[in-house]
Every structure is written in C-alpha cells, then in structure tokens.
Amino acid sequence: DAADLISHLIGLDAQGVLLQSAYLGVDDLPVEQAQVVSWLQQQL
C-alpha cells in the first residue's frame, strides 16, 4: 500500500493534478499495540 500510494501520487502529478505538500500514508485503523498482540496470539 505504501508503494501504491507513491505510485498513485506520481500518476496524478503526471496528469496535471495539483498535489498537496504532504500526505499521510497509513491504513484505516489506528489501534492499540496490546490489541494487535492479543489478536495475533489468537491467530498464531
């Protein structure tokens, strides 16, 4: 997704779309570290 975002922004600029000076590259869900660990333990 990180690579795709950068590729996507390059494509927009090449099309003449005005880009902002900064973008955040993150997924849709900030989450507590403990929650990620607990879920991974269950899966593993």
PDB file of all heavy atoms in Angstrom:
ATOM      1  N   ASP A   1       0.821  -1.205   0.000  1.00  0.00           N
ATOM      2  CA  ASP A   1       0.000   0.000   0.000  1.00  0.00           C
ATOM      3  C   ASP A   1       0.861   1.263   0.000  1.00  0.00           C
ATOM      4  O   ASP A   1       0.499   2.276  -0.615  1.00  0.00           O
ATOM      5  CB  ASP A   1      -0.934   0.006   1.212  1.00  0.00           C
ATOM      6  CG  ASP A   1      -2.079  -0.979   1.069  1.00  0.00           C
ATOM      7  OD1 ASP A   1      -2.541  -1.187  -0.073  1.00  0.00           O
ATOM      8  OD2 ASP A   1      -2.517  -1.536   2.089  1.00  0.00           O
ATOM      9  N   ALA A   2       1.993   1.210   0.695  1.00  0.00           N
ATOM     10  CA  ALA A   2       2.904   2.360   0.704  1.00  0.00           C
ATOM     11  C   ALA A   2       3.429   2.629  -0.706  1.00  0.00           C
ATOM     12  O   ALA A   2       3.435   3.778  -1.177  1.00  0.00           O
ATOM     13  CB  ALA A   2       4.061   2.105   1.665  1.00  0.00           C
ATOM     14  N   ALA A   3       3.856   1.573  -1.388  1.00  0.00           N
ATOM     15  CA  ALA A   3       4.358   1.729  -2.749  1.00  0.00           C
ATOM     16  C   ALA A   3       3.248   2.198  -3.685  1.00  0.00           C
ATOM     17  O   ALA A   3       3.467   3.060  -4.557  1.00  0.00           O
ATOM     18  CB  ALA A   3       4.943   0.408  -3.237  1.00  0.00           C
ATOM     19  N   ASP A   4       2.056   1.670  -3.483  1.00  0.00           N
ATOM     20  CA  ASP A   4       0.936   2.041  -4.345  1.00  0.00           C
ATOM     21  C   ASP A   4       0.555   3.503  -4.163  1.00  0.00           C
ATOM     22  O   ASP A   4       0.205   4.194  -5.126  1.00  0.00           O
ATOM     23  CB  ASP A   4      -0.272   1.145  -4.048  1.00  0.00           C
ATOM     24  CG  ASP A   4      -1.445   1.442  -4.966  1.00  0.00           C
ATOM     25  OD1 ASP A   4      -1.291   1.273  -6.189  1.00  0.00           O
ATOM     26  OD2 ASP A   4      -2.504   1.856  -4.465  1.00  0.00           O
ATOM     27  N   LEU A   5       0.622   3.997  -2.928  1.00  0.00           N
ATOM     28  CA  LEU A   5       0.300   5.400  -2.683  1.00  0.00           C
ATOM     29  C   LEU A   5       1.267   6.322  -3.419  1.00  0.00           C
ATOM     30  O   LEU A   5       0.849   7.287  -4.082  1.00  0.00           O
ATOM     31  CB  LEU A   5       0.337   5.699  -1.180  1.00  0.00           C
ATOM     32  CG  LEU A   5       0.186   7.173  -0.781  1.00  0.00           C
ATOM     33  CD1 LEU A   5      -1.127   7.749  -1.306  1.00  0.00           C
ATOM     34  CD2 LEU A   5       0.295   7.337   0.733  1.00  0.00           C
ATOM     35  N   ILE A   6       2.547   6.033  -3.328  1.00  0.00           N
ATOM     36  CA  ILE A   6       3.539   6.867  -4.012  1.00  0.00           C
ATOM     37  C   ILE A   6       3.347   6.793  -5.527  1.00  0.00           C
ATOM     38  O   ILE A   6       3.373   7.814  -6.229  1.00  0.00           O
ATOM     39  CB  ILE A   6       4.962   6.435  -3.610  1.00  0.00           C
ATOM     40  CG1 ILE A   6       5.177   6.669  -2.113  1.00  0.00           C
ATOM     41  CG2 ILE A   6       6.010   7.187  -4.431  1.00  0.00           C
ATOM     42  CD1 ILE A   6       6.426   6.037  -1.557  1.00  0.00           C
ATOM     43  N   SER A   7       3.121   5.598  -6.045  1.00  0.00           N
ATOM     44  CA  SER A   7       2.871   5.428  -7.478  1.00  0.00           C
ATOM     45  C   SER A   7       1.623   6.193  -7.900  1.00  0.00           C
ATOM     46  O   SER A   7       1.601   6.854  -8.951  1.00  0.00           O
ATOM     47  CB  SER A   7       2.708   3.937  -7.792  1.00  0.00           C
ATOM     48  OG  SER A   7       2.351   3.737  -9.145  1.00  0.00           O
ATOM     49  N   HIS A   8       0.594   6.122  -7.073  1.00  0.00           N
ATOM     50  CA  HIS A   8      -0.664   6.822  -7.346  1.00  0.00           C
ATOM     51  C   HIS A   8      -0.441   8.332  -7.416  1.00  0.00           C
ATOM     52  O   HIS A   8      -0.945   9.008  -8.338  1.00  0.00           O
ATOM     53  CB  HIS A   8      -1.670   6.469  -6.247  1.00  0.00           C
ATOM     54  CG  HIS A   8      -2.939   7.260  -6.278  1.00  0.00           C
ATOM     55  ND1 HIS A   8      -3.934   7.042  -7.212  1.00  0.00           N
ATOM     56  CD2 HIS A   8      -3.376   8.275  -5.484  1.00  0.00           C
ATOM     57  CE1 HIS A   8      -4.934   7.893  -6.997  1.00  0.00           C
ATOM     58  NE2 HIS A   8      -4.622   8.639  -5.962  1.00  0.00           N
ATOM     59  N   LEU A   9       0.326   8.878  -6.493  1.00  0.00           N
ATOM     60  CA  LEU A   9       0.589  10.323  -6.465  1.00  0.00           C
ATOM     61  C   LEU A   9       1.416  10.762  -7.670  1.00  0.00           C
ATOM     62  O   LEU A   9       1.177  11.833  -8.247  1.00  0.00           O
ATOM     63  CB  LEU A   9       1.286  10.706  -5.162  1.00  0.00           C
ATOM     64  CG  LEU A   9       0.455  10.546  -3.883  1.00  0.00           C
ATOM     65  CD1 LEU A   9       1.314  10.825  -2.648  1.00  0.00           C
ATOM     66  CD2 LEU A   9      -0.773  11.460  -3.903  1.00  0.00           C
ATOM     67  N   ILE A  10       2.378   9.944  -8.068  1.00  0.00           N
ATOM     68  CA  ILE A  10       3.154  10.257  -9.268  1.00  0.00           C
ATOM     69  C   ILE A  10       2.230  10.313 -10.480  1.00  0.00           C
ATOM     70  O   ILE A  10       2.308  11.227 -11.311  1.00  0.00           O
ATOM     71  CB  ILE A  10       4.273   9.222  -9.490  1.00  0.00           C
ATOM     72  CG1 ILE A  10       5.328   9.327  -8.388  1.00  0.00           C
ATOM     73  CG2 ILE A  10       4.924   9.419 -10.860  1.00  0.00           C
ATOM     74  CD1 ILE A  10       6.381   8.233  -8.447  1.00  0.00           C
ATOM     75  N   GLY A  11       1.348   9.333 -10.577  1.00  0.00           N
ATOM     76  CA  GLY A  11       0.410   9.304 -11.695  1.00  0.00           C
ATOM     77  C   GLY A  11      -0.486  10.529 -11.738  1.00  0.00           C
ATOM     78  O   GLY A  11      -0.747  11.087 -12.811  1.00  0.00           O
ATOM     79  N   LEU A  12      -0.947  10.959 -10.572  1.00  0.00           N
ATOM     80  CA  LEU A  12      -1.781  12.153 -10.517  1.00  0.00           C
ATOM     81  C   LEU A  12      -1.014  13.386 -10.985  1.00  0.00           C
ATOM     82  O   LEU A  12      -1.528  14.209 -11.762  1.00  0.00           O
ATOM     83  CB  LEU A  12      -2.296  12.377  -9.097  1.00  0.00           C
ATOM     84  CG  LEU A  12      -3.328  11.380  -8.559  1.00  0.00           C
ATOM     85  CD1 LEU A  12      -3.710  11.740  -7.126  1.00  0.00           C
ATOM     86  CD2 LEU A  12      -4.572  11.341  -9.446  1.00  0.00           C
ATOM     87  N   ASP A  13       0.223  13.524 -10.507  1.00  0.00           N
ATOM     88  CA  ASP A  13       1.025  14.677 -10.905  1.00  0.00           C
ATOM     89  C   ASP A  13       1.274  14.657 -12.407  1.00  0.00           C
ATOM     90  O   ASP A  13       1.225  15.709 -13.064  1.00  0.00           O
ATOM     91  CB  ASP A  13       2.353  14.671 -10.142  1.00  0.00           C
ATOM     92  CG  ASP A  13       3.104  15.979 -10.301  1.00  0.00           C
ATOM     93  OD1 ASP A  13       2.817  16.924  -9.549  1.00  0.00           O
ATOM     94  OD2 ASP A  13       3.967  16.063 -11.210  1.00  0.00           O
ATOM     95  N   ALA A  14       1.531  13.483 -12.954  1.00  0.00           N
ATOM     96  CA  ALA A  14       1.771  13.373 -14.390  1.00  0.00           C
ATOM     97  C   ALA A  14       0.542  13.767 -15.199  1.00  0.00           C
ATOM     98  O   ALA A  14       0.656  14.230 -16.340  1.00  0.00           O
ATOM     99  CB  ALA A  14       2.191  11.940 -14.737  1.00  0.00           C
ATOM    100  N   GLN A  15      -0.636  13.620 -14.601  1.00  0.00           N
ATOM    101  CA  GLN A  15      -1.888  14.001 -15.258  1.00  0.00           C
ATOM    102  C   GLN A  15      -2.225  15.478 -15.055  1.00  0.00           C
ATOM    103  O   GLN A  15      -3.238  15.967 -15.560  1.00  0.00           O
ATOM    104  CB  GLN A  15      -3.037  13.145 -14.727  1.00  0.00           C
ATOM    105  CG  GLN A  15      -2.922  11.674 -15.037  1.00  0.00           C
ATOM    106  CD  GLN A  15      -3.923  10.834 -14.237  1.00  0.00           C
ATOM    107  OE1 GLN A  15      -5.000  11.313 -13.885  1.00  0.00           O
ATOM    108  NE2 GLN A  15      -3.557   9.594 -13.957  1.00  0.00           N
ATOM    109  N   GLY A  16      -1.389  16.169 -14.297  1.00  0.00           N
ATOM    110  CA  GLY A  16      -1.619  17.584 -14.075  1.00  0.00           C
ATOM    111  C   GLY A  16      -2.455  17.905 -12.855  1.00  0.00           C
ATOM    112  O   GLY A  16      -2.860  19.060 -12.661  1.00  0.00           O
ATOM    113  N   VAL A  17      -2.713  16.901 -12.018  1.00  0.00           N
ATOM    114  CA  VAL A  17      -3.479  17.133 -10.797  1.00  0.00           C
ATOM    115  C   VAL A  17      -2.599  17.853  -9.782  1.00  0.00           C
ATOM    116  O   VAL A  17      -1.438  17.474  -9.572  1.00  0.00           O
ATOM    117  CB  VAL A  17      -3.983  15.798 -10.204  1.00  0.00           C
ATOM    118  CG1 VAL A  17      -4.711  16.028  -8.877  1.00  0.00           C
ATOM    119  CG2 VAL A  17      -4.906  15.088 -11.196  1.00  0.00           C
ATOM    120  N   LEU A  18      -3.131  18.878  -9.149  1.00  0.00           N
ATOM    121  CA  LEU A  18      -2.377  19.634  -8.160  1.00  0.00           C
ATOM    122  C   LEU A  18      -2.269  18.841  -6.865  1.00  0.00           C
ATOM    123  O   LEU A  18      -3.289  18.503  -6.258  1.00  0.00           O
ATOM    124  CB  LEU A  18      -3.052  20.985  -7.894  1.00  0.00           C
ATOM    125  CG  LEU A  18      -2.350  21.906  -6.895  1.00  0.00           C
ATOM    126  CD1 LEU A  18      -0.971  22.309  -7.409  1.00  0.00           C
ATOM    127  CD2 LEU A  18      -3.209  23.138  -6.616  1.00  0.00           C
ATOM    128  N   LEU A  19      -1.055  18.562  -6.446  1.00  0.00           N
ATOM    129  CA  LEU A  19      -0.840  17.789  -5.221  1.00  0.00           C
ATOM    130  C   LEU A  19      -0.596  18.705  -4.030  1.00  0.00           C
ATOM    131  O   LEU A  19      -0.118  19.826  -4.171  1.00  0.00           O
ATOM    132  CB  LEU A  19       0.359  16.844  -5.382  1.00  0.00           C
ATOM    133  CG  LEU A  19       0.252  15.748  -6.439  1.00  0.00           C
ATOM    134  CD1 LEU A  19       1.486  14.848  -6.373  1.00  0.00           C
ATOM    135  CD2 LEU A  19      -1.011  14.918  -6.280  1.00  0.00           C
ATOM    136  N   GLN A  20      -0.898  18.165  -2.851  1.00  0.00           N
ATOM    137  CA  GLN A  20      -0.600  18.862  -1.603  1.00  0.00           C
ATOM    138  C   GLN A  20       0.881  18.659  -1.263  1.00  0.00           C
ATOM    139  O   GLN A  20       1.567  17.811  -1.838  1.00  0.00           O
ATOM    140  CB  GLN A  20      -1.475  18.318  -0.474  1.00  0.00           C
ATOM    141  CG  GLN A  20      -2.961  18.453  -0.731  1.00  0.00           C
ATOM    142  CD  GLN A  20      -3.455  19.866  -0.520  1.00  0.00           C
ATOM    143  OE1 GLN A  20      -2.767  20.706   0.036  1.00  0.00           O
ATOM    144  NE2 GLN A  20      -4.673  20.138  -0.978  1.00  0.00           N
ATOM    145  N   SER A  21       1.354  19.427  -0.288  1.00  0.00           N
ATOM    146  CA  SER A  21       2.764  19.328   0.091  1.00  0.00           C
ATOM    147  C   SER A  21       3.043  18.122   0.981  1.00  0.00           C
ATOM    148  O   SER A  21       4.202  17.735   1.162  1.00  0.00           O
ATOM    149  CB  SER A  21       3.211  20.596   0.817  1.00  0.00           C
ATOM    150  OG  SER A  21       2.452  20.782   1.998  1.00  0.00           O
ATOM    151  N   ALA A  22       1.990  17.509   1.550  1.00  0.00           N
ATOM    152  CA  ALA A  22       2.205  16.351   2.436  1.00  0.00           C
ATOM    153  C   ALA A  22       0.981  15.445   2.431  1.00  0.00           C
ATOM    154  O   ALA A  22      -0.158  15.909   2.300  1.00  0.00           O
ATOM    155  CB  ALA A  22       2.510  16.808   3.857  1.00  0.00           C
ATOM    156  N   TYR A  23       1.262  14.143   2.567  1.00  0.00           N
ATOM    157  CA  TYR A  23       0.206  13.133   2.694  1.00  0.00           C
ATOM    158  C   TYR A  23       0.619  12.129   3.760  1.00  0.00           C
ATOM    159  O   TYR A  23       1.800  11.778   3.873  1.00  0.00           O
ATOM    160  CB  TYR A  23      -0.019  12.385   1.374  1.00  0.00           C
ATOM    161  CG  TYR A  23      -0.625  13.237   0.280  1.00  0.00           C
ATOM    162  CD1 TYR A  23       0.197  13.926  -0.610  1.00  0.00           C
ATOM    163  CD2 TYR A  23      -2.009  13.361   0.150  1.00  0.00           C
ATOM    164  CE1 TYR A  23      -0.345  14.717  -1.615  1.00  0.00           C
ATOM    165  CE2 TYR A  23      -2.561  14.150  -0.858  1.00  0.00           C
ATOM    166  CZ  TYR A  23      -1.726  14.824  -1.727  1.00  0.00           C
ATOM    167  OH  TYR A  23      -2.271  15.617  -2.715  1.00  0.00           O
ATOM    168  N   LEU A  24      -0.364  11.671   4.514  1.00  0.00           N
ATOM    169  CA  LEU A  24      -0.136  10.602   5.484  1.00  0.00           C
ATOM    170  C   LEU A  24      -0.407   9.256   4.821  1.00  0.00           C
ATOM    171  O   LEU A  24      -1.490   9.041   4.268  1.00  0.00           O
ATOM    172  CB  LEU A  24      -1.058  10.772   6.695  1.00  0.00           C
ATOM    173  CG  LEU A  24      -0.523  11.611   7.848  1.00  0.00           C
ATOM    174  CD1 LEU A  24      -1.627  11.900   8.847  1.00  0.00           C
ATOM    175  CD2 LEU A  24       0.621  10.899   8.528  1.00  0.00           C
ATOM    176  N   GLY A  25       0.574   8.360   4.887  1.00  0.00           N
ATOM    177  CA  GLY A  25       0.416   7.018   4.338  1.00  0.00           C
ATOM    178  C   GLY A  25       0.214   6.019   5.462  1.00  0.00           C
ATOM    179  O   GLY A  25       1.182   5.494   6.032  1.00  0.00           O
ATOM    180  N   VAL A  26      -1.042   5.769   5.804  1.00  0.00           N
ATOM    181  CA  VAL A  26      -1.400   4.832   6.874  1.00  0.00           C
ATOM    182  C   VAL A  26      -2.648   4.069   6.454  1.00  0.00           C
ATOM    183  O   VAL A  26      -3.358   4.486   5.540  1.00  0.00           O
ATOM    184  CB  VAL A  26      -1.669   5.563   8.218  1.00  0.00           C
ATOM    185  CG1 VAL A  26      -0.431   6.281   8.713  1.00  0.00           C
ATOM    186  CG2 VAL A  26      -2.820   6.559   8.063  1.00  0.00           C
ATOM    187  N   ASP A  27      -2.921   2.968   7.138  1.00  0.00           N
ATOM    188  CA  ASP A  27      -4.160   2.252   6.848  1.00  0.00           C
ATOM    189  C   ASP A  27      -5.329   2.938   7.544  1.00  0.00           C
ATOM    190  O   ASP A  27      -5.193   4.032   8.104  1.00  0.00           O
ATOM    191  CB  ASP A  27      -4.031   0.765   7.196  1.00  0.00           C
ATOM    192  CG  ASP A  27      -3.880   0.486   8.694  1.00  0.00           C
ATOM    193  OD1 ASP A  27      -4.230   1.364   9.511  1.00  0.00           O
ATOM    194  OD2 ASP A  27      -3.422  -0.620   9.047  1.00  0.00           O
ATOM    195  N   ASP A  28      -6.476   2.295   7.532  1.00  0.00           N
ATOM    196  CA  ASP A  28      -7.696   2.932   8.029  1.00  0.00           C
ATOM    197  C   ASP A  28      -7.901   2.796   9.538  1.00  0.00           C
ATOM    198  O   ASP A  28      -8.827   3.403  10.073  1.00  0.00           O
ATOM    199  CB  ASP A  28      -8.932   2.318   7.343  1.00  0.00           C
ATOM    200  CG  ASP A  28      -8.995   2.633   5.854  1.00  0.00           C
ATOM    201  OD1 ASP A  28      -8.322   3.589   5.427  1.00  0.00           O
ATOM    202  OD2 ASP A  28      -9.719   1.918   5.125  1.00  0.00           O
ATOM    203  N   LEU A  29      -7.066   2.012  10.212  1.00  0.00           N
ATOM    204  CA  LEU A  29      -7.376   1.680  11.602  1.00  0.00           C
ATOM    205  C   LEU A  29      -6.187   1.844  12.544  1.00  0.00           C
ATOM    206  O   LEU A  29      -5.407   0.899  12.735  1.00  0.00           O
ATOM    207  CB  LEU A  29      -7.904   0.234  11.689  1.00  0.00           C
ATOM    208  CG  LEU A  29      -8.391  -0.219  13.068  1.00  0.00           C
ATOM    209  CD1 LEU A  29      -9.622   0.581  13.492  1.00  0.00           C
ATOM    210  CD2 LEU A  29      -8.709  -1.713  13.055  1.00  0.00           C
ATOM    211  N   PRO A  30      -6.050   3.005  13.169  1.00  0.00           N
ATOM    212  CA  PRO A  30      -5.105   3.098  14.296  1.00  0.00           C
ATOM    213  C   PRO A  30      -5.596   2.161  15.404  1.00  0.00           C
ATOM    214  O   PRO A  30      -6.797   2.034  15.621  1.00  0.00           O
ATOM    215  CB  PRO A  30      -5.214   4.567  14.724  1.00  0.00           C
ATOM    216  CG  PRO A  30      -5.874   5.279  13.592  1.00  0.00           C
ATOM    217  CD  PRO A  30      -6.758   4.268  12.934  1.00  0.00           C
ATOM    218  N   VAL A  31      -4.667   1.515  16.088  1.00  0.00           N
ATOM    219  CA  VAL A  31      -5.087   0.505  17.066  1.00  0.00           C
ATOM    220  C   VAL A  31      -4.049   0.393  18.175  1.00  0.00           C
ATOM    221  O   VAL A  31      -2.858   0.628  17.958  1.00  0.00           O
ATOM    222  CB  VAL A  31      -5.293  -0.857  16.359  1.00  0.00           C
ATOM    223  CG1 VAL A  31      -3.996  -1.361  15.752  1.00  0.00           C
ATOM    224  CG2 VAL A  31      -5.902  -1.892  17.288  1.00  0.00           C
ATOM    225  N   GLU A  32      -4.510   0.041  19.373  1.00  0.00           N
ATOM    226  CA  GLU A  32      -3.593  -0.134  20.486  1.00  0.00           C
ATOM    227  C   GLU A  32      -2.659  -1.308  20.231  1.00  0.00           C
ATOM    228  O   GLU A  32      -3.061  -2.346  19.715  1.00  0.00           O
ATOM    229  CB  GLU A  32      -4.374  -0.375  21.779  1.00  0.00           C
ATOM    230  CG  GLU A  32      -5.152   0.839  22.264  1.00  0.00           C
ATOM    231  CD  GLU A  32      -5.897   0.547  23.552  1.00  0.00           C
ATOM    232  OE1 GLU A  32      -6.054  -0.645  23.894  1.00  0.00           O
ATOM    233  OE2 GLU A  32      -6.315   1.514  24.224  1.00  0.00           O
ATOM    234  N   GLN A  33      -1.409  -1.129  20.630  1.00  0.00           N
ATOM    235  CA  GLN A  33      -0.412  -2.185  20.447  1.00  0.00           C
ATOM    236  C   GLN A  33      -0.854  -3.483  21.124  1.00  0.00           C
ATOM    237  O   GLN A  33      -0.707  -4.571  20.551  1.00  0.00           O
ATOM    238  CB  GLN A  33       0.931  -1.724  21.005  1.00  0.00           C
ATOM    239  CG  GLN A  33       2.074  -2.707  20.772  1.00  0.00           C
ATOM    240  CD  GLN A  33       3.366  -2.228  21.414  1.00  0.00           C
ATOM    241  OE1 GLN A  33       3.413  -1.998  22.618  1.00  0.00           O
ATOM    242  NE2 GLN A  33       4.406  -2.053  20.622  1.00  0.00           N
ATOM    243  N   ALA A  34      -1.415  -3.366  22.320  1.00  0.00           N
ATOM    244  CA  ALA A  34      -1.830  -4.559  23.053  1.00  0.00           C
ATOM    245  C   ALA A  34      -2.914  -5.326  22.312  1.00  0.00           C
ATOM    246  O   ALA A  34      -2.957  -6.565  22.349  1.00  0.00           O
ATOM    247  CB  ALA A  34      -2.326  -4.171  24.453  1.00  0.00           C
ATOM    248  N   GLN A  35      -3.790  -4.618  21.619  1.00  0.00           N
ATOM    249  CA  GLN A  35      -4.863  -5.266  20.869  1.00  0.00           C
ATOM    250  C   GLN A  35      -4.311  -6.052  19.686  1.00  0.00           C
ATOM    251  O   GLN A  35      -4.768  -7.167  19.400  1.00  0.00           O
ATOM    252  CB  GLN A  35      -5.863  -4.219  20.380  1.00  0.00           C
ATOM    253  CG  GLN A  35      -7.066  -4.806  19.651  1.00  0.00           C
ATOM    254  CD  GLN A  35      -8.075  -3.738  19.252  1.00  0.00           C
ATOM    255  OE1 GLN A  35      -8.153  -2.670  19.865  1.00  0.00           O
ATOM    256  NE2 GLN A  35      -8.858  -4.022  18.221  1.00  0.00           N
ATOM    257  N   VAL A  36      -3.305  -5.487  19.014  1.00  0.00           N
ATOM    258  CA  VAL A  36      -2.683  -6.188  17.896  1.00  0.00           C
ATOM    259  C   VAL A  36      -2.007  -7.462  18.385  1.00  0.00           C
ATOM    260  O   VAL A  36      -2.153  -8.540  17.788  1.00  0.00           O
ATOM    261  CB  VAL A  36      -1.655  -5.287  17.189  1.00  0.00           C
ATOM    262  CG1 VAL A  36      -1.022  -6.025  16.007  1.00  0.00           C
ATOM    263  CG2 VAL A  36      -2.312  -3.999  16.709  1.00  0.00           C
ATOM    264  N   VAL A  37      -1.291  -7.375  19.502  1.00  0.00           N
ATOM    265  CA  VAL A  37      -0.602  -8.543  20.053  1.00  0.00           C
ATOM    266  C   VAL A  37      -1.608  -9.625  20.425  1.00  0.00           C
ATOM    267  O   VAL A  37      -1.434 -10.804  20.089  1.00  0.00           O
ATOM    268  CB  VAL A  37       0.237  -8.158  21.282  1.00  0.00           C
ATOM    269  CG1 VAL A  37       0.787  -9.405  21.973  1.00  0.00           C
ATOM    270  CG2 VAL A  37       1.381  -7.238  20.872  1.00  0.00           C
ATOM    271  N   SER A  38      -2.669  -9.247  21.113  1.00  0.00           N
ATOM    272  CA  SER A  38      -3.673 -10.215  21.541  1.00  0.00           C
ATOM    273  C   SER A  38      -4.294 -10.930  20.351  1.00  0.00           C
ATOM    274  O   SER A  38      -4.460 -12.156  20.366  1.00  0.00           O
ATOM    275  CB  SER A  38      -4.757  -9.507  22.364  1.00  0.00           C
ATOM    276  OG  SER A  38      -5.775 -10.417  22.736  1.00  0.00           O
ATOM    277  N   TRP A  39      -4.636 -10.182  19.309  1.00  0.00           N
ATOM    278  CA  TRP A  39      -5.247 -10.786  18.123  1.00  0.00           C
ATOM    279  C   TRP A  39      -4.262 -11.722  17.420  1.00  0.00           C
ATOM    280  O   TRP A  39      -4.636 -12.832  17.010  1.00  0.00           O
ATOM    281  CB  TRP A  39      -5.716  -9.689  17.176  1.00  0.00           C
ATOM    282  CG  TRP A  39      -6.398 -10.215  15.944  1.00  0.00           C
ATOM    283  CD1 TRP A  39      -7.700 -10.585  15.812  1.00  0.00           C
ATOM    284  CD2 TRP A  39      -5.785 -10.446  14.668  1.00  0.00           C
ATOM    285  NE1 TRP A  39      -7.942 -11.014  14.530  1.00  0.00           N
ATOM    286  CE2 TRP A  39      -6.781 -10.936  13.805  1.00  0.00           C
ATOM    287  CE3 TRP A  39      -4.497 -10.258  14.170  1.00  0.00           C
ATOM    288  CZ2 TRP A  39      -6.540 -11.257  12.485  1.00  0.00           C
ATOM    289  CZ3 TRP A  39      -4.247 -10.586  12.843  1.00  0.00           C
ATOM    290  CH2 TRP A  39      -5.252 -11.075  12.011  1.00  0.00           C
ATOM    291  N   LEU A  40      -3.009 -11.292  17.283  1.00  0.00           N
ATOM    292  CA  LEU A  40      -2.010 -12.143  16.636  1.00  0.00           C
ATOM    293  C   LEU A  40      -1.782 -13.429  17.425  1.00  0.00           C
ATOM    294  O   LEU A  40      -1.615 -14.512  16.846  1.00  0.00           O
ATOM    295  CB  LEU A  40      -0.691 -11.379  16.478  1.00  0.00           C
ATOM    296  CG  LEU A  40      -0.619 -10.359  15.345  1.00  0.00           C
ATOM    297  CD1 LEU A  40       0.690  -9.586  15.410  1.00  0.00           C
ATOM    298  CD2 LEU A  40      -0.758 -11.036  13.984  1.00  0.00           C
ATOM    299  N   GLN A  41      -1.762 -13.329  18.753  1.00  0.00           N
ATOM    300  CA  GLN A  41      -1.590 -14.535  19.567  1.00  0.00           C
ATOM    301  C   GLN A  41      -2.714 -15.537  19.306  1.00  0.00           C
ATOM    302  O   GLN A  41      -2.471 -16.745  19.213  1.00  0.00           O
ATOM    303  CB  GLN A  41      -1.549 -14.159  21.049  1.00  0.00           C
ATOM    304  CG  GLN A  41      -0.269 -13.472  21.484  1.00  0.00           C
ATOM    305  CD  GLN A  41      -0.291 -13.070  22.940  1.00  0.00           C
ATOM    306  OE1 GLN A  41      -1.350 -12.803  23.508  1.00  0.00           O
ATOM    307  NE2 GLN A  41       0.875 -13.015  23.577  1.00  0.00           N
ATOM    308  N   GLN A  42      -3.925 -15.044  19.176  1.00  0.00           N
ATOM    309  CA  GLN A  42      -5.066 -15.919  18.894  1.00  0.00           C
ATOM    310  C   GLN A  42      -4.918 -16.589  17.534  1.00  0.00           C
ATOM    311  O   GLN A  42      -5.180 -17.791  17.384  1.00  0.00           O
ATOM    312  CB  GLN A  42      -6.367 -15.123  18.949  1.00  0.00           C
ATOM    313  CG  GLN A  42      -6.737 -14.593  20.322  1.00  0.00           C
ATOM    314  CD  GLN A  42      -7.968 -13.711  20.286  1.00  0.00           C
ATOM    315  OE1 GLN A  42      -8.741 -13.740  19.343  1.00  0.00           O
ATOM    316  NE2 GLN A  42      -8.139 -12.891  21.317  1.00  0.00           N
ATOM    317  N   GLN A  43      -4.484 -15.817  16.536  1.00  0.00           N
ATOM    318  CA  GLN A  43      -4.341 -16.367  15.189  1.00  0.00           C
ATOM    319  C   GLN A  43      -3.201 -17.376  15.108  1.00  0.00           C
ATOM    320  O   GLN A  43      -3.288 -18.377  14.392  1.00  0.00           O
ATOM    321  CB  GLN A  43      -4.084 -15.239  14.176  1.00  0.00           C
ATOM    322  CG  GLN A  43      -5.150 -14.164  14.139  1.00  0.00           C
ATOM    323  CD  GLN A  43      -6.532 -14.698  13.874  1.00  0.00           C
ATOM    324  OE1 GLN A  43      -6.734 -15.494  12.953  1.00  0.00           O
ATOM    325  NE2 GLN A  43      -7.498 -14.273  14.680  1.00  0.00           N
ATOM    326  N   LEU A  44      -2.131 -17.125  15.859  1.00  0.00           N
ATOM    327  CA  LEU A  44      -0.941 -17.976  15.800  1.00  0.00           C
ATOM    328  C   LEU A  44      -0.995 -19.139  16.784  1.00  0.00           C
ATOM    329  O   LEU A  44      -0.215 -20.088  16.674  1.00  0.00           O
ATOM    330  CB  LEU A  44       0.308 -17.136  16.089  1.00  0.00           C
ATOM    331  CG  LEU A  44       0.656 -16.038  15.078  1.00  0.00           C
ATOM    332  CD1 LEU A  44       1.697 -15.089  15.653  1.00  0.00           C
ATOM    333  CD2 LEU A  44       1.164 -16.658  13.775  1.00  0.00           C
TER     334      LEU A  44
END
